[in-house]
Amino acid sequence: AGDAERAASRAMLQSIAGQMHFYGQLAAEDLGLPFVLPAPPRTLQPAEREAARSNPGFARALQLIALGLRSEGQREWNFSLRGLAERDLLAAAQMACEREVWDRCIFTSDRSKTEIDVAQRFPTPHRAELTQTARRVGLDPAYVYGLIRQESRFITVAQSGAGASGLMQVMPGTARIVARRIGLDYKPAMLHDPETNLLLGTSYLKMVLDNFAGSQPMATAGYNAGPNRPRRWRDAPTVEPAAWIEAIPIGETRDYVKKVLSNAVYYAAVLGSTPPSLKARLGATIGPADASAPPVDRDLP
């Protein structure tokens, strides 16, 4: 009994297993498949690299970004991508990577379908500082990289409409509270320093993670939407974490959590720091806090 249903569900899992997204990763793990990074693409040829360098749209875009006109440069870059073949996309992405324009590097490389350059899609800028800071506060560097890739695409001067700043998109109010807790003599201008932003952001993420007893899905949701919301969202029947994530009522946060945790799996493979398992990051179940859970930190912003 149930063999036909099991075969049908296995076929559905096989249809998406290995695709580079949250459910593709989960399907592969459910089938017991090992995590394998895509094979690197063929080496870019000098003519391919020269075509990207000589593209006037890319040249204008990079100049605009260098002048601080990032939104104008992004639009110029994106317009220049129209109609490009895969190899041209990889060449353009590589040029952006080498210029450390990480958001255009990632955005452009993500558009390729058959040749996947993991180094372009999951770059590791600030590697020494990020790894050291993450480990000092007690976080997995792959998790931090996964979050920053979604938050700022490694743009150190990123500024949101709500006022969040820097690599980890830290709000000024959050920065003041975290700085006080970690004993940092904080000045508002420090939020724009990449190393300080990284320290404040990782310290805050660790506080949220600890308050959710190490649950990365709930901590990630809390980082995006504030800790009070996932506290409310967990007050429901106990479910598996993927179901809890899919039930998050804010679409932006739901998408954010899936992408951050999926990113973290790829970064775990790139860094070789932790096993590249999405299920391990999700944990067993999510439901109401039990009696052994840490007390709720109501002062966490």
Protein backbone atom coordinates (compact mmCIF):
# COMPACT_ATOMS: atom_id res chain seq x y z
CA ALA A 1 0.00 0.00 0.00
CA GLY A 2 1.28 3.41 -0.93
CA ASP A 3 3.93 2.22 -3.39
CA ALA A 4 2.38 4.13 -6.28
CA GLU A 5 2.19 7.33 -4.24
CA ARG A 6 5.79 6.92 -3.06
CA ALA A 7 6.96 6.40 -6.64
CA ALA A 8 5.03 9.47 -7.79
CA SER A 9 6.46 11.67 -5.05
CA ARG A 10 9.96 10.37 -5.74
CA ALA A 11 9.53 11.29 -9.41
CA MET A 12 8.46 14.80 -8.40
CA LEU A 13 11.52 15.16 -6.18
CA GLN A 14 13.78 13.91 -8.98
CA SER A 15 12.31 16.50 -11.35
CA ILE A 16 13.77 19.37 -9.29
CA ALA A 17 16.66 17.74 -7.42
CA GLY A 18 19.91 19.57 -7.98
CA GLN A 19 18.33 22.80 -9.18
CA MET A 20 20.09 25.77 -7.57
CA HIS A 21 17.38 26.87 -5.18
CA PHE A 22 15.88 26.03 -1.79
CA TYR A 23 13.54 23.27 -2.94
CA GLY A 24 16.05 21.82 -5.39
CA GLN A 25 18.45 21.39 -2.47
CA LEU A 26 15.78 19.88 -0.23
CA ALA A 27 14.68 17.46 -2.94
CA ALA A 28 18.24 16.25 -3.46
CA GLU A 29 18.69 15.66 0.26
CA ASP A 30 15.36 13.82 0.51
CA LEU A 31 16.58 11.50 -2.24
CA GLY A 32 19.87 10.94 -0.43
CA LEU A 33 21.94 12.54 -3.19
CA PRO A 34 25.33 14.01 -2.26
CA PHE A 35 25.76 17.77 -2.55
CA VAL A 36 27.92 18.52 -5.59
CA LEU A 37 28.87 21.95 -6.88
CA PRO A 38 28.33 22.51 -10.61
CA ALA A 39 31.36 21.84 -12.78
CA PRO A 40 33.30 25.04 -13.53
CA PRO A 41 32.70 26.58 -16.96
CA ARG A 42 35.22 26.52 -19.77
CA THR A 43 37.97 29.10 -19.33
CA LEU A 44 37.08 32.45 -20.85
CA GLN A 45 39.07 33.13 -23.97
CA PRO A 46 40.93 36.41 -24.52
CA ALA A 47 38.51 37.40 -27.30
CA GLU A 48 35.52 36.84 -25.00
CA ARG A 49 37.07 38.94 -22.25
CA GLU A 50 38.00 41.68 -24.72
CA ALA A 51 34.43 41.82 -26.05
CA ALA A 52 33.20 42.57 -22.53
CA ARG A 53 35.89 45.17 -21.91
CA SER A 54 35.12 46.96 -25.18
CA ASN A 55 31.34 47.04 -24.66
CA PRO A 56 30.53 50.76 -24.33
CA GLY A 57 27.49 50.10 -22.15
CA PHE A 58 29.54 48.21 -19.58
CA ALA A 59 32.21 50.92 -19.66
CA ARG A 60 29.60 53.61 -19.01
CA ALA A 61 28.02 51.54 -16.22
CA LEU A 62 31.31 50.99 -14.41
CA GLN A 63 32.20 54.66 -14.70
CA LEU A 64 28.84 55.73 -13.30
CA ILE A 65 29.22 53.33 -10.37
CA ALA A 66 32.75 54.59 -9.74
CA LEU A 67 31.36 58.14 -9.59
CA GLY A 68 28.84 57.11 -6.95
CA LEU A 69 25.88 57.02 -9.35
CA ARG A 70 25.14 53.39 -8.56
CA SER A 71 21.45 53.22 -9.56
CA GLU A 72 22.23 54.85 -12.91
CA GLY A 73 25.15 52.49 -13.42
CA GLN A 74 23.04 49.46 -12.58
CA ARG A 75 20.40 50.45 -15.13
CA GLU A 76 23.06 51.01 -17.80
CA TRP A 77 24.66 47.63 -17.02
CA ASN A 78 21.37 45.75 -17.06
CA PHE A 79 20.33 47.35 -20.35
CA SER A 80 23.64 46.26 -21.86
CA LEU A 81 22.99 42.62 -20.91
CA ARG A 82 20.00 42.32 -23.24
CA GLY A 83 20.42 39.60 -25.85
CA LEU A 84 23.83 38.41 -24.68
CA ALA A 85 24.77 34.76 -25.08
CA GLU A 86 25.84 32.73 -22.05
CA ARG A 87 29.57 33.07 -22.68
CA ASP A 88 29.17 36.84 -23.03
CA LEU A 89 27.32 36.91 -19.70
CA LEU A 90 30.13 35.02 -18.00
CA ALA A 91 32.72 37.40 -19.50
CA ALA A 92 30.76 40.43 -18.34
CA ALA A 93 30.31 38.93 -14.88
CA GLN A 94 34.02 38.22 -14.64
CA MET A 95 34.84 41.81 -15.52
CA ALA A 96 32.49 43.02 -12.78
CA CYS A 97 34.05 40.58 -10.29
CA GLU A 98 37.55 41.77 -11.10
CA ARG A 99 36.42 45.38 -10.57
CA GLU A 100 34.82 44.25 -7.27
CA VAL A 101 31.40 45.42 -8.43
CA TRP A 102 29.94 42.41 -6.69
CA ASP A 103 26.25 43.05 -7.23
CA ARG A 104 26.64 43.17 -11.04
CA CYS A 105 29.00 40.17 -10.88
CA ILE A 106 26.38 38.06 -9.09
CA PHE A 107 23.39 39.40 -11.01
CA THR A 108 25.02 38.76 -14.38
CA SER A 109 26.40 35.32 -13.59
CA ASP A 110 23.01 34.24 -12.20
CA ARG A 111 21.56 34.64 -15.70
CA SER A 112 23.58 31.80 -17.23
CA LYS A 113 21.74 28.49 -17.57
CA THR A 114 24.11 25.80 -18.82
CA GLU A 115 27.55 26.97 -17.67
CA ILE A 116 27.61 27.84 -13.97
CA ASP A 117 30.49 29.76 -12.42
CA VAL A 118 30.16 29.24 -8.66
CA ALA A 119 33.03 31.64 -7.91
CA GLN A 120 31.09 34.41 -9.65
CA ARG A 121 27.72 33.55 -8.13
CA PHE A 122 29.04 33.06 -4.60
CA PRO A 123 32.07 35.34 -4.26
CA THR A 124 33.89 35.71 -0.94
CA PRO A 125 34.98 39.34 -0.53
CA HIS A 126 36.32 40.43 2.88
CA ARG A 127 37.08 36.77 3.51
CA ALA A 128 39.72 37.13 6.22
CA GLU A 129 37.80 39.79 8.17
CA LEU A 130 34.44 38.07 7.77
CA THR A 131 35.70 34.66 8.81
CA GLN A 132 37.54 36.04 11.83
CA THR A 133 34.61 38.20 12.98
CA ALA A 134 32.00 35.48 12.46
CA ARG A 135 34.00 32.94 14.44
CA ARG A 136 34.75 35.47 17.18
CA VAL A 137 31.04 36.07 17.81
CA GLY A 138 30.22 32.36 17.40
CA LEU A 139 28.66 32.20 13.93
CA ASP A 140 29.25 29.96 10.93
CA PRO A 141 30.96 32.12 8.27
CA ALA A 142 28.93 30.40 5.53
CA TYR A 143 25.71 31.56 7.21
CA VAL A 144 27.03 35.14 7.41
CA TYR A 145 28.07 35.06 3.75
CA GLY A 146 24.66 33.72 2.77
CA LEU A 147 22.95 36.55 4.60
CA ILE A 148 25.19 39.32 3.24
CA ARG A 149 24.76 38.04 -0.32
CA GLN A 150 21.02 38.58 0.09
CA GLU A 151 21.22 41.79 2.13
CA SER A 152 23.68 43.95 0.21
CA ARG A 153 25.38 41.89 -2.50
CA PHE A 154 28.62 42.97 -0.75
CA ILE A 155 28.10 46.67 -1.52
CA THR A 156 29.80 48.37 1.44
CA VAL A 157 27.96 51.66 0.79
CA ALA A 158 24.51 50.07 0.37
CA GLN A 159 21.71 52.15 1.89
CA SER A 160 18.09 51.06 2.08
CA GLY A 161 15.09 53.34 1.93
CA ALA A 162 14.42 52.51 5.59
CA GLY A 163 17.91 53.66 6.59
CA ALA A 164 19.76 50.33 6.91
CA SER A 165 23.42 50.62 5.99
CA GLY A 166 26.41 48.68 4.79
CA LEU A 167 27.29 45.07 4.19
CA MET A 168 24.82 43.70 6.75
CA GLN A 169 22.21 46.45 6.32
CA VAL A 170 22.20 47.43 9.98
CA MET A 171 19.65 49.98 11.17
CA PRO A 172 21.05 52.91 13.22
CA GLY A 173 18.86 52.09 16.22
CA THR A 174 19.96 48.46 16.14
CA ALA A 175 23.60 49.53 15.87
CA ARG A 176 23.34 51.66 19.02
CA ILE A 177 21.75 48.86 21.06
CA VAL A 178 24.21 46.21 19.85
CA ALA A 179 27.21 48.50 20.36
CA ARG A 180 26.15 49.14 23.95
CA ARG A 181 25.79 45.41 24.61
CA ILE A 182 29.19 44.50 23.19
CA GLY A 183 30.96 47.46 24.80
CA LEU A 184 31.74 49.35 21.61
CA ASP A 185 32.17 53.12 21.87
CA TYR A 186 29.83 53.74 18.97
CA LYS A 187 29.55 56.81 16.76
CA PRO A 188 26.98 56.94 13.90
CA ALA A 189 29.68 57.31 11.24
CA MET A 190 31.10 53.93 12.28
CA LEU A 191 28.13 52.18 10.69
CA HIS A 192 29.62 53.00 7.28
CA ASP A 193 32.94 51.36 8.09
CA PRO A 194 32.82 47.81 6.62
CA GLU A 195 34.63 46.14 9.52
CA THR A 196 32.49 47.83 12.17
CA ASN A 197 29.32 47.13 10.17
CA LEU A 198 30.35 43.49 10.01
CA LEU A 199 30.97 43.36 13.77
CA LEU A 200 27.63 45.00 14.58
CA GLY A 201 25.68 42.89 12.09
CA THR A 202 27.17 39.56 13.14
CA SER A 203 26.80 40.41 16.83
CA TYR A 204 23.13 41.21 16.29
CA LEU A 205 22.57 38.05 14.24
CA LYS A 206 24.15 35.97 17.03
CA MET A 207 21.89 37.61 19.62
CA VAL A 208 18.81 36.80 17.53
CA LEU A 209 20.03 33.26 16.82
CA ASP A 210 20.66 32.59 20.52
CA ASN A 211 17.23 33.94 21.41
CA PHE A 212 15.71 31.38 19.05
CA ALA A 213 17.78 28.53 20.51
CA GLY A 214 19.94 28.25 17.41
CA SER A 215 17.12 28.01 14.84
CA GLN A 216 18.49 29.50 11.63
CA PRO A 217 15.07 29.76 9.93
CA MET A 218 13.62 31.79 12.81
CA ALA A 219 16.78 33.88 13.30
CA THR A 220 16.93 34.67 9.59
CA ALA A 221 13.29 35.72 9.62
CA GLY A 222 13.98 37.81 12.71
CA TYR A 223 16.95 39.54 11.10
CA ASN A 224 14.73 40.57 8.19
CA ALA A 225 11.41 41.30 9.87
CA GLY A 226 12.37 41.85 13.51
CA PRO A 227 12.41 39.14 16.21
CA ASN A 228 8.87 39.80 17.43
CA ARG A 229 7.29 38.56 14.21
CA PRO A 230 8.79 35.04 14.15
CA ARG A 231 7.95 34.79 17.85
CA ARG A 232 4.31 35.22 16.87
CA TRP A 233 4.59 33.01 13.80
CA ARG A 234 5.92 30.07 15.84
CA ASP A 235 2.89 30.18 18.15
CA ALA A 236 1.05 27.56 16.08
CA PRO A 237 1.05 23.78 15.64
CA THR A 238 4.53 22.27 15.37
CA VAL A 239 5.58 21.71 11.74
CA GLU A 240 8.69 20.92 9.77
CA PRO A 241 10.81 24.03 9.12
CA ALA A 242 10.18 24.16 5.35
CA ALA A 243 6.43 24.25 6.00
CA TRP A 244 6.91 26.97 8.64
CA ILE A 245 8.96 29.05 6.20
CA GLU A 246 6.39 28.64 3.45
CA ALA A 247 3.70 29.86 5.85
CA ILE A 248 5.52 33.13 6.67
CA PRO A 249 2.85 35.74 5.87
CA ILE A 250 5.26 38.40 4.57
CA GLY A 251 6.32 37.51 1.05
CA GLU A 252 9.62 39.39 1.21
CA THR A 253 10.63 37.62 4.43
CA ARG A 254 9.51 34.22 3.14
CA ASP A 255 11.68 34.63 0.02
CA TYR A 256 14.54 36.09 2.08
CA VAL A 257 14.73 33.14 4.48
CA LYS A 258 14.78 30.58 1.67
CA LYS A 259 17.47 32.44 -0.24
CA VAL A 260 19.72 33.13 2.74
CA LEU A 261 19.69 29.49 3.86
CA SER A 262 20.14 28.23 0.31
CA ASN A 263 23.06 30.65 -0.15
CA ALA A 264 24.61 29.41 3.09
CA VAL A 265 24.70 25.83 1.78
CA TYR A 266 26.64 26.93 -1.29
CA TYR A 267 29.00 29.00 0.81
CA ALA A 268 29.57 26.03 3.12
CA ALA A 269 30.71 24.07 0.06
CA VAL A 270 32.86 26.94 -1.23
CA LEU A 271 34.51 27.59 2.14
CA GLY A 272 34.71 23.95 3.21
CA SER A 273 33.79 25.14 6.70
CA THR A 274 30.64 23.14 7.50
CA PRO A 275 28.80 20.25 5.80
CA PRO A 276 26.69 21.62 2.90
CA SER A 277 23.34 20.44 4.23
CA LEU A 278 20.17 22.51 4.06
CA LYS A 279 18.27 20.13 6.32
CA ALA A 280 20.90 20.58 9.03
CA ARG A 281 20.36 24.33 8.86
CA LEU A 282 16.59 23.98 9.01
CA GLY A 283 16.60 21.83 12.14
CA ALA A 284 13.93 19.33 13.16
CA THR A 285 10.67 21.20 13.77
CA ILE A 286 9.35 24.67 14.59
CA GLY A 287 6.54 25.32 17.02
CA PRO A 288 5.82 27.00 20.34
CA ALA A 289 8.86 27.52 22.56
CA ASP A 290 9.28 24.87 25.23
CA ALA A 291 10.10 25.40 28.88
CA SER A 292 13.84 24.93 28.32
CA ALA A 293 14.03 27.72 25.72
CA PRO A 294 16.02 30.84 26.60
CA PRO A 295 13.97 33.71 28.02
CA VAL A 296 12.59 36.08 25.40
CA ASP A 297 14.82 39.12 24.94
CA ARG A 298 12.18 41.80 24.50
CA ASP A 299 14.80 44.50 24.06
CA LEU A 300 16.16 43.01 20.83
CA PRO A 301 15.20 45.44 18.03
